[in-house]
Amino acid sequence: MILEKIHKDLNNRGITNRQLAAMFDTSHSKINESFTRKREFDFYIYTEILNMLYPHDYDFRKTEVLKYCEEAKRKVNLRVAFEYLDMCGELDVLQYLVDKEKESNNILNRKFANAYELLHLRNAGKINPQDFLKIVKKKMEQKKSTDDISKIPMDFSLIYAFFDYRNYDLVSEYTNDLLSQIKKLKNPFLRSSYELRTMELLATSFHRNNELEKARELCNEMIARQGRVALLPKATAYCIMGETYILSDYELSKYYLDKGLQLMISPNNKKMFKKKQMIQTTLDFLNIHFEKNLDNIEPKNPAELAYLYVNRGLNQQAVNLIEEIKRKNGFLTPLQVFIQALARDDMNLMREALLAFERNNDLFYAELPKNVLKLK
């Protein structure tokens, strides 16, 4: 049986039940009862033990987590599992859990399944920002007013929809409103993980609002977090940290971006792979902006590729690429409008880019069109 194997492997490493209890801030008796099957292992503790013992056996860990989700009896453990799986990017197991708990006899778990179905949809990357926002709004209109905990992951979906539109004013406003609800949560894992989500969102908002020290402070808090659930947020924190220097200090920016990339060096799932791509895209932007290593970079992101085309004087190719992005997504981000303005050498469009950055409260990257307009 798996629990016997885990207990034996812990003993072989000299880790006692008392030490485990201290690691996870729980009681010695709780750990004892979990190993003797007198009580169900808390999901978070169980998965962290797997991560600690078998860090290089991803398939084994994933299989055992799936088995846990199939067999778990305590409904609160499955609610914790929803959040853990989404934060760690385990989309296959999360999809299984969503489908299973949508038929649950527990109303709160059914609500969680509906909320995390939205988060899964976004993470799967099969929907554009416009359609995601429409679906989230429709779901929230259908959902009866409720004060239960399932409202929190549902609200996060709306905030992420604003985030994908680069509307950092709304991201900041809604995230701060949600924080007061999160702080009241009794479950320590959910409270901690939801707080981690708010840190990611607010760090980006502070960065884009040019409140760089506040952004860096939150990034340092995220970097200090422990546990598997903090791995992706840590990578995000290094990326944001690097971005706070991206227009001013090439070496420092590259240092932090490289640190984030190292955390995602061997991505186990799609969310980790996307995070790796995102950090690499940011590194590409850094190199293009400072005109470094241009012969060695091959941007996968079309916007960064268009920026590289502009840098190389291939303006028409840049224009064509930006127009293709607009056809696909239905809109352009302020950064894409900025690149389009560069490619066309169109200062009216450059002013539109500046206004678009300012409308989104993105004062940091608003410096890009500002600097071009100053030179004209």
Protein backbone atom coordinates (compact mmCIF):
# COMPACT_ATOMS: atom_id res chain seq x y z
CA MET A 1 0.00 0.00 0.00
CA ILE A 2 1.17 3.51 -0.78
CA LEU A 3 0.99 4.82 2.82
CA GLU A 4 3.26 2.00 4.00
CA LYS A 5 5.73 2.81 1.22
CA ILE A 6 5.66 6.53 2.07
CA HIS A 7 6.16 5.83 5.78
CA LYS A 8 9.05 3.48 5.04
CA ASP A 9 10.70 6.00 2.69
CA LEU A 10 10.33 8.73 5.33
CA ASN A 11 11.93 6.48 7.95
CA ASN A 12 14.78 5.68 5.56
CA ARG A 13 15.45 9.41 5.32
CA GLY A 14 15.29 9.79 9.08
CA ILE A 15 12.09 11.84 9.04
CA THR A 16 9.82 11.08 12.01
CA ASN A 17 6.12 11.78 12.40
CA ARG A 18 6.97 14.49 14.92
CA GLN A 19 9.24 16.18 12.39
CA LEU A 20 6.49 15.99 9.75
CA ALA A 21 4.04 17.54 12.19
CA ALA A 22 6.48 20.40 12.81
CA MET A 23 7.03 20.89 9.06
CA PHE A 24 3.33 21.28 8.38
CA ASP A 25 2.35 23.03 11.59
CA THR A 26 -0.02 20.28 12.64
CA SER A 27 -0.26 17.83 15.55
CA HIS A 28 1.81 14.69 15.97
CA SER A 29 -1.36 12.68 16.66
CA LYS A 30 -2.92 13.89 13.39
CA ILE A 31 0.05 12.57 11.40
CA ASN A 32 -0.03 9.26 13.32
CA GLU A 33 -3.75 8.81 12.69
CA SER A 34 -3.31 9.61 9.00
CA PHE A 35 -0.67 6.91 8.53
CA THR A 36 -2.76 4.34 10.47
CA ARG A 37 -5.84 5.29 8.39
CA LYS A 38 -7.85 6.44 11.40
CA ARG A 39 -8.33 9.74 9.57
CA GLU A 40 -7.87 10.95 6.02
CA PHE A 41 -4.62 12.72 5.22
CA ASP A 42 -5.07 16.44 4.65
CA PHE A 43 -4.66 16.88 0.90
CA TYR A 44 -1.99 19.56 1.15
CA ILE A 45 0.14 17.61 3.64
CA TYR A 46 -0.13 14.44 1.57
CA THR A 47 0.92 16.12 -1.68
CA GLU A 48 3.80 17.99 -0.04
CA ILE A 49 5.12 14.71 1.40
CA LEU A 50 5.01 13.24 -2.13
CA ASN A 51 6.85 16.28 -3.48
CA MET A 52 9.49 15.99 -0.77
CA LEU A 53 10.10 12.24 -1.16
CA TYR A 54 9.79 11.88 -4.94
CA PRO A 55 10.81 15.22 -6.48
CA HIS A 56 12.03 13.62 -9.72
CA ASP A 57 9.18 11.14 -10.23
CA TYR A 58 6.46 13.40 -11.62
CA ASP A 59 4.34 10.58 -13.08
CA PHE A 60 4.24 8.74 -9.76
CA ARG A 61 3.22 11.89 -7.88
CA LYS A 62 0.53 12.72 -10.43
CA THR A 63 -0.89 9.17 -10.30
CA GLU A 64 -1.06 9.20 -6.50
CA VAL A 65 -2.73 12.63 -6.41
CA LEU A 66 -5.34 11.39 -8.90
CA LYS A 67 -5.97 8.31 -6.73
CA TYR A 68 -6.39 10.57 -3.71
CA CYS A 69 -9.00 12.64 -5.57
CA GLU A 70 -10.82 9.46 -6.59
CA GLU A 71 -10.96 8.07 -3.05
CA ALA A 72 -11.17 11.13 -0.76
CA LYS A 73 -14.16 11.19 1.58
CA ARG A 74 -13.73 14.55 3.33
CA LYS A 75 -15.22 17.23 1.09
CA VAL A 76 -12.95 19.97 2.42
CA ASN A 77 -9.93 18.04 1.12
CA LEU A 78 -11.35 18.16 -2.40
CA ARG A 79 -11.95 21.90 -2.09
CA VAL A 80 -8.29 22.29 -1.14
CA ALA A 81 -7.39 20.00 -4.07
CA PHE A 82 -9.17 22.32 -6.53
CA GLU A 83 -6.97 25.23 -5.49
CA TYR A 84 -3.76 23.22 -5.24
CA LEU A 85 -4.17 21.63 -8.67
CA ASP A 86 -5.01 24.93 -10.35
CA MET A 87 -2.09 26.76 -8.75
CA CYS A 88 0.32 23.95 -9.67
CA GLY A 89 -1.02 23.73 -13.22
CA GLU A 90 -2.16 20.10 -12.99
CA LEU A 91 -4.93 20.64 -15.52
CA ASP A 92 -5.63 16.97 -16.33
CA VAL A 93 -6.29 16.05 -12.71
CA LEU A 94 -8.18 19.32 -12.18
CA GLN A 95 -10.46 18.50 -15.13
CA TYR A 96 -11.17 15.09 -13.59
CA LEU A 97 -11.99 16.70 -10.25
CA VAL A 98 -14.24 19.34 -11.85
CA ASP A 99 -16.22 16.66 -13.70
CA LYS A 100 -16.47 14.49 -10.57
CA GLU A 101 -17.53 17.22 -8.15
CA LYS A 102 -20.08 18.79 -10.51
CA GLU A 103 -22.12 15.69 -9.60
CA SER A 104 -21.27 15.85 -5.89
CA ASN A 105 -23.97 15.57 -3.23
CA ASN A 106 -22.24 18.48 -1.47
CA ILE A 107 -23.56 21.82 -2.75
CA LEU A 108 -20.39 23.74 -1.84
CA ASN A 109 -18.23 21.30 -3.79
CA ARG A 110 -20.54 21.64 -6.80
CA LYS A 111 -20.07 25.42 -6.60
CA PHE A 112 -16.29 24.96 -6.38
CA ALA A 113 -16.39 22.74 -9.46
CA ASN A 114 -18.20 25.45 -11.43
CA ALA A 115 -15.78 28.14 -10.25
CA TYR A 116 -12.64 26.14 -11.00
CA GLU A 117 -14.02 25.10 -14.38
CA LEU A 118 -13.60 28.77 -15.37
CA LEU A 119 -10.04 28.94 -14.02
CA HIS A 120 -9.24 25.71 -15.86
CA LEU A 121 -10.67 27.14 -19.09
CA ARG A 122 -8.33 30.13 -18.89
CA ASN A 123 -5.26 28.07 -17.98
CA ALA A 124 -5.90 25.61 -20.81
CA GLY A 125 -5.29 28.51 -23.21
CA LYS A 126 -8.07 27.53 -25.60
CA ILE A 127 -10.03 30.76 -25.37
CA ASN A 128 -9.27 34.39 -26.21
CA PRO A 129 -9.67 37.19 -23.62
CA GLN A 130 -12.89 38.54 -25.18
CA ASP A 131 -14.71 35.21 -25.04
CA PHE A 132 -13.39 34.41 -21.57
CA LEU A 133 -14.73 37.70 -20.16
CA LYS A 134 -18.14 37.03 -21.76
CA ILE A 135 -18.32 33.54 -20.28
CA VAL A 136 -17.27 34.72 -16.81
CA LYS A 137 -19.86 37.51 -16.80
CA LYS A 138 -22.57 35.13 -17.97
CA LYS A 139 -21.69 32.60 -15.26
CA MET A 140 -21.69 35.30 -12.58
CA GLU A 141 -25.09 36.57 -13.72
CA GLN A 142 -26.51 33.04 -13.52
CA LYS A 143 -24.98 32.43 -10.09
CA LYS A 144 -27.28 33.40 -7.24
CA SER A 145 -25.88 35.85 -4.72
CA THR A 146 -23.90 33.94 -2.14
CA ASP A 147 -21.58 34.68 0.74
CA ASP A 148 -19.95 31.25 0.79
CA ILE A 149 -16.31 30.57 0.01
CA SER A 150 -16.98 29.52 -3.61
CA LYS A 151 -17.45 33.20 -4.45
CA ILE A 152 -13.69 33.76 -4.08
CA PRO A 153 -12.45 31.53 -6.95
CA MET A 154 -15.34 32.82 -9.07
CA ASP A 155 -14.25 36.41 -8.39
CA PHE A 156 -10.67 35.50 -9.29
CA SER A 157 -11.90 34.45 -12.74
CA LEU A 158 -13.36 37.92 -13.26
CA ILE A 159 -10.13 39.58 -12.06
CA TYR A 160 -8.06 37.40 -14.42
CA ALA A 161 -10.38 38.43 -17.27
CA PHE A 162 -9.60 42.09 -16.48
CA PHE A 163 -5.92 41.15 -16.21
CA ASP A 164 -5.94 39.58 -19.68
CA TYR A 165 -7.36 42.85 -21.01
CA ARG A 166 -4.47 44.69 -19.28
CA ASN A 167 -6.99 46.70 -17.25
CA TYR A 168 -4.82 47.09 -14.16
CA ASP A 169 -7.08 49.66 -12.50
CA LEU A 170 -9.90 47.12 -12.27
CA VAL A 171 -7.48 44.34 -11.34
CA SER A 172 -6.22 46.37 -8.39
CA GLU A 173 -9.69 47.52 -7.29
CA TYR A 174 -11.30 44.07 -7.35
CA THR A 175 -8.28 42.31 -5.83
CA ASN A 176 -8.19 44.68 -2.86
CA ASP A 177 -11.93 44.15 -2.33
CA LEU A 178 -11.39 40.39 -2.37
CA LEU A 179 -8.52 40.49 0.13
CA SER A 180 -10.80 41.34 3.04
CA GLN A 181 -12.86 38.19 2.35
CA ILE A 182 -9.75 36.03 1.99
CA LYS A 183 -8.33 37.12 5.35
CA LYS A 184 -11.49 35.79 7.07
CA LEU A 185 -11.04 32.23 5.74
CA LYS A 186 -10.54 29.53 8.37
CA ASN A 187 -8.76 27.02 6.14
CA PRO A 188 -5.05 27.93 6.34
CA PHE A 189 -4.12 26.47 2.96
CA LEU A 190 -6.89 28.23 1.04
CA ARG A 191 -6.23 31.50 2.84
CA SER A 192 -2.50 31.29 2.09
CA SER A 193 -2.92 30.26 -1.54
CA TYR A 194 -5.56 32.90 -2.28
CA GLU A 195 -3.28 35.50 -0.68
CA LEU A 196 -0.53 34.33 -3.02
CA ARG A 197 -2.85 34.93 -5.97
CA THR A 198 -3.55 38.47 -4.77
CA MET A 199 0.19 39.12 -4.39
CA GLU A 200 0.76 38.14 -8.04
CA LEU A 201 -2.04 40.40 -9.23
CA LEU A 202 -1.16 43.37 -7.04
CA ALA A 203 2.58 43.11 -7.78
CA THR A 204 1.79 43.43 -11.48
CA SER A 205 -0.62 46.30 -10.82
CA PHE A 206 1.97 48.15 -8.70
CA HIS A 207 4.59 47.58 -11.38
CA ARG A 208 2.35 48.91 -14.15
CA ASN A 209 1.36 51.89 -11.99
CA ASN A 210 5.07 52.70 -11.59
CA GLU A 211 4.96 51.96 -7.86
CA LEU A 212 8.10 49.89 -8.26
CA GLU A 213 9.18 49.56 -4.63
CA LYS A 214 5.74 48.24 -3.66
CA ALA A 215 5.92 45.74 -6.53
CA ARG A 216 9.39 44.59 -5.48
CA GLU A 217 8.30 44.22 -1.86
CA LEU A 218 5.45 41.89 -2.85
CA CYS A 219 7.78 39.97 -5.18
CA ASN A 220 10.19 39.36 -2.30
CA GLU A 221 7.30 38.05 -0.18
CA MET A 222 6.35 35.60 -2.94
CA ILE A 223 9.94 34.47 -3.42
CA ALA A 224 10.15 33.68 0.32
CA ARG A 225 7.13 31.35 0.18
CA GLN A 226 7.72 27.59 0.45
CA GLY A 227 5.95 24.56 -1.00
CA ARG A 228 5.02 23.28 -4.43
CA VAL A 229 2.04 25.62 -4.68
CA ALA A 230 4.43 28.60 -4.51
CA LEU A 231 6.64 27.46 -7.41
CA LEU A 232 4.75 29.18 -10.25
CA PRO A 233 4.12 32.37 -8.22
CA LYS A 234 7.86 32.49 -7.40
CA ALA A 235 8.65 32.34 -11.11
CA THR A 236 6.11 35.11 -11.67
CA ALA A 237 7.70 37.16 -8.89
CA TYR A 238 11.16 36.90 -10.46
CA CYS A 239 9.65 37.89 -13.80
CA ILE A 240 7.89 40.95 -12.36
CA MET A 241 11.06 41.87 -10.47
CA GLY A 242 12.97 41.70 -13.73
CA GLU A 243 10.32 43.78 -15.47
CA THR A 244 10.63 46.57 -12.91
CA TYR A 245 14.16 47.09 -14.26
CA ILE A 246 13.45 46.28 -17.91
CA LEU A 247 13.53 49.87 -19.17
CA SER A 248 16.44 51.03 -17.02
CA ASP A 249 18.95 48.30 -16.08
CA TYR A 250 19.72 45.51 -18.54
CA GLU A 251 21.95 43.44 -16.26
CA LEU A 252 19.68 43.55 -13.20
CA SER A 253 16.59 42.81 -15.27
CA LYS A 254 18.31 39.86 -16.93
CA TYR A 255 19.49 38.54 -13.55
CA TYR A 256 15.93 38.27 -12.19
CA LEU A 257 14.44 36.96 -15.44
CA ASP A 258 17.10 34.25 -15.60
CA LYS A 259 16.26 33.25 -12.00
CA GLY A 260 12.60 32.86 -12.95
CA LEU A 261 13.50 30.86 -16.04
CA GLN A 262 15.65 28.49 -13.96
CA LEU A 263 12.59 27.58 -11.85
CA MET A 264 10.75 26.54 -15.02
CA ILE A 265 13.73 24.85 -16.66
CA SER A 266 11.94 21.45 -16.80
CA PRO A 267 8.21 22.21 -17.02
CA ASN A 268 6.02 19.25 -16.03
CA ASN A 269 2.73 20.63 -17.30
CA LYS A 270 1.15 23.14 -19.66
CA LYS A 271 0.87 25.95 -17.12
CA MET A 272 4.56 25.67 -16.24
CA PHE A 273 5.43 25.57 -19.94
CA LYS A 274 3.36 28.73 -20.53
CA LYS A 275 5.12 30.43 -17.62
CA LYS A 276 8.47 29.47 -19.10
CA GLN A 277 7.38 30.92 -22.46
CA MET A 278 6.17 34.12 -20.77
CA ILE A 279 9.50 34.68 -19.02
CA GLN A 280 11.38 33.89 -22.23
CA THR A 281 9.18 36.41 -24.08
CA THR A 282 10.04 39.03 -21.46
CA LEU A 283 13.74 38.22 -21.90
CA ASP A 284 13.30 38.60 -25.66
CA PHE A 285 11.74 42.04 -25.13
CA LEU A 286 14.63 43.02 -22.85
CA ASN A 287 17.21 42.00 -25.45
CA ILE A 288 15.37 43.74 -28.29
CA HIS A 289 14.85 46.91 -26.25
CA PHE A 290 18.55 47.14 -25.35
CA GLU A 291 19.65 45.73 -28.73
CA LYS A 292 21.52 42.82 -27.13
CA ASN A 293 22.05 39.30 -28.53
CA LEU A 294 19.75 40.05 -31.47
CA ASP A 295 21.34 37.38 -33.66
CA ASN A 296 20.70 34.73 -31.02
CA ILE A 297 17.03 35.31 -30.22
CA GLU A 298 14.03 33.79 -31.99
CA PRO A 299 10.89 35.23 -30.37
CA LYS A 300 7.95 32.82 -30.23
CA ASN A 301 5.54 35.59 -29.22
CA PRO A 302 4.30 37.45 -32.34
CA ALA A 303 4.39 40.89 -30.65
CA GLU A 304 8.05 40.49 -29.67
CA LEU A 305 8.79 39.17 -33.16
CA ALA A 306 7.15 42.29 -34.62
CA TYR A 307 9.30 44.42 -32.28
CA LEU A 308 12.39 42.58 -33.56
CA TYR A 309 11.29 43.21 -37.17
CA VAL A 310 11.05 46.94 -36.40
CA ASN A 311 14.51 46.85 -34.84
CA ARG A 312 15.84 45.25 -38.04
CA GLY A 313 14.04 47.73 -40.29
CA LEU A 314 11.52 45.16 -41.56
CA ASN A 315 8.60 47.48 -40.88
CA GLN A 316 6.05 46.03 -43.30
CA GLN A 317 6.54 42.55 -41.87
CA ALA A 318 5.96 44.03 -38.42
CA VAL A 319 2.74 45.76 -39.58
CA ASN A 320 1.45 42.53 -41.13
CA LEU A 321 2.15 40.58 -37.96
CA ILE A 322 0.38 43.10 -35.72
CA GLU A 323 -2.67 43.08 -38.02
CA GLU A 324 -2.72 39.29 -37.79
CA ILE A 325 -2.70 39.53 -33.97
CA LYS A 326 -5.69 41.89 -34.09
CA ARG A 327 -7.63 39.54 -36.36
CA LYS A 328 -6.98 36.62 -34.03
CA ASN A 329 -7.66 38.31 -30.66
CA GLY A 330 -10.17 40.95 -31.70
CA PHE A 331 -8.13 43.78 -30.15
CA LEU A 332 -4.58 45.03 -29.63
CA THR A 333 -2.87 45.57 -26.30
CA PRO A 334 -1.27 49.00 -25.74
CA LEU A 335 2.17 47.44 -26.28
CA GLN A 336 1.06 46.03 -29.62
CA VAL A 337 -0.32 49.45 -30.64
CA PHE A 338 3.07 50.94 -29.66
CA ILE A 339 4.91 48.45 -31.88
CA GLN A 340 2.44 49.13 -34.70
CA ALA A 341 3.08 52.88 -34.35
CA LEU A 342 6.84 52.28 -34.51
CA ALA A 343 6.48 50.13 -37.61
CA ARG A 344 4.35 52.76 -39.36
CA ASP A 345 6.33 55.71 -37.98
CA ASP A 346 2.90 57.13 -37.12
CA MET A 347 2.98 59.65 -34.27
CA ASN A 348 -0.82 59.93 -34.11
CA LEU A 349 -0.93 56.20 -33.52
CA MET A 350 1.91 56.60 -31.01
CA ARG A 351 -0.27 59.06 -29.06
CA GLU A 352 -3.09 56.49 -29.19
CA ALA A 353 -0.68 53.94 -27.71
CA LEU A 354 0.18 56.36 -24.92
CA LEU A 355 -3.51 56.96 -24.17
CA ALA A 356 -4.16 53.21 -24.22
CA PHE A 357 -1.39 52.61 -21.66
CA GLU A 358 -2.72 55.42 -19.47
CA ARG A 359 -6.33 54.19 -19.72
CA ASN A 360 -5.16 50.84 -18.39
CA ASN A 361 -3.20 52.57 -15.62
CA ASP A 362 -0.03 51.12 -17.16
CA LEU A 363 2.18 54.08 -16.36
CA PHE A 364 5.35 51.97 -16.45
CA TYR A 365 5.16 50.93 -20.09
CA ALA A 366 3.59 54.28 -21.00
CA GLU A 367 7.21 55.47 -20.87
CA LEU A 368 7.80 53.67 -24.18
CA PRO A 369 5.57 55.90 -26.36
CA LYS A 370 6.41 58.93 -24.18
CA ASN A 371 10.10 58.56 -24.95
CA VAL A 372 9.45 58.23 -28.69
CA LEU A 373 7.18 61.28 -28.73
CA LYS A 374 9.81 63.33 -26.86
CA LEU A 375 12.30 62.63 -29.64
CA LYS A 376 9.95 63.79 -32.41
